[in-house]
């Protein structure tokens, strides 16, 4: 029973490490490309300003 809990906890830790690594790699790729960076800035401005009903 204790071994099963250890295996499940290890699986959670490894899955979290994989997702963290993939997210860091994706963030690095997005921030290193100037075109993607500009699109990301435009998108964040749209989200920050909200919809305009004029």
Protein backbone atom coordinates (compact mmCIF):
# COMPACT_ATOMS: atom_id res chain seq x y z
CA UNK A 1 0.00 0.00 0.00
CA UNK A 2 2.79 2.40 0.94
CA UNK A 3 4.64 1.52 -2.28
CA UNK A 4 1.57 2.39 -4.35
CA UNK A 5 1.38 5.82 -2.69
CA UNK A 6 5.06 6.41 -3.40
CA UNK A 7 4.59 5.48 -7.05
CA UNK A 8 1.59 7.77 -7.43
CA UNK A 9 3.44 10.66 -5.77
CA UNK A 10 6.44 10.08 -8.03
CA UNK A 11 4.20 10.10 -11.08
CA UNK A 12 2.68 13.44 -9.99
CA UNK A 13 6.11 14.95 -9.44
CA UNK A 14 7.42 13.79 -12.80
CA UNK A 15 4.31 15.00 -14.61
CA UNK A 16 4.65 18.40 -12.95
CA UNK A 17 8.31 18.59 -13.93
CA UNK A 18 7.48 17.75 -17.54
CA UNK A 19 4.75 20.40 -17.72
CA UNK A 20 7.00 22.99 -16.07
CA UNK A 21 9.79 22.28 -18.54
CA UNK A 22 7.43 22.46 -21.52
CA UNK A 23 5.96 25.74 -20.27
CA UNK A 24 9.39 27.28 -19.71
CA UNK A 25 10.48 26.18 -23.18
CA UNK A 26 7.35 27.63 -24.75
CA UNK A 27 7.73 30.93 -22.88
CA UNK A 28 11.36 31.19 -23.98
CA UNK A 29 10.41 30.53 -27.60
CA UNK A 30 7.63 33.12 -27.54
CA UNK A 31 9.70 35.82 -25.87
CA UNK A 32 12.71 35.29 -28.15
CA UNK A 33 10.71 35.86 -31.36
CA UNK A 34 10.06 39.61 -31.93
CA UNK A 35 6.86 39.03 -33.94
CA UNK A 36 5.40 36.77 -31.26
CA UNK A 37 6.41 39.26 -28.58
CA UNK A 38 4.55 42.07 -30.37
CA UNK A 39 1.45 39.90 -30.81
CA UNK A 40 1.61 38.96 -27.13
CA UNK A 41 1.78 42.65 -26.17
CA UNK A 42 -1.21 43.48 -28.38
CA UNK A 43 -3.20 40.61 -26.89
CA UNK A 44 -2.37 41.63 -23.32
CA UNK A 45 -3.42 45.23 -24.08
CA UNK A 46 -6.74 43.99 -25.47
CA UNK A 47 -7.32 41.90 -22.35
CA UNK A 48 -6.31 44.74 -20.05
CA UNK A 49 -8.50 47.37 -21.76
CA UNK A 50 -11.53 45.13 -22.14
CA UNK A 51 -14.19 45.36 -24.82
CA UNK A 52 -15.03 48.78 -26.22
CA UNK A 53 -18.69 49.39 -26.95
CA UNK A 54 -18.40 52.63 -28.90
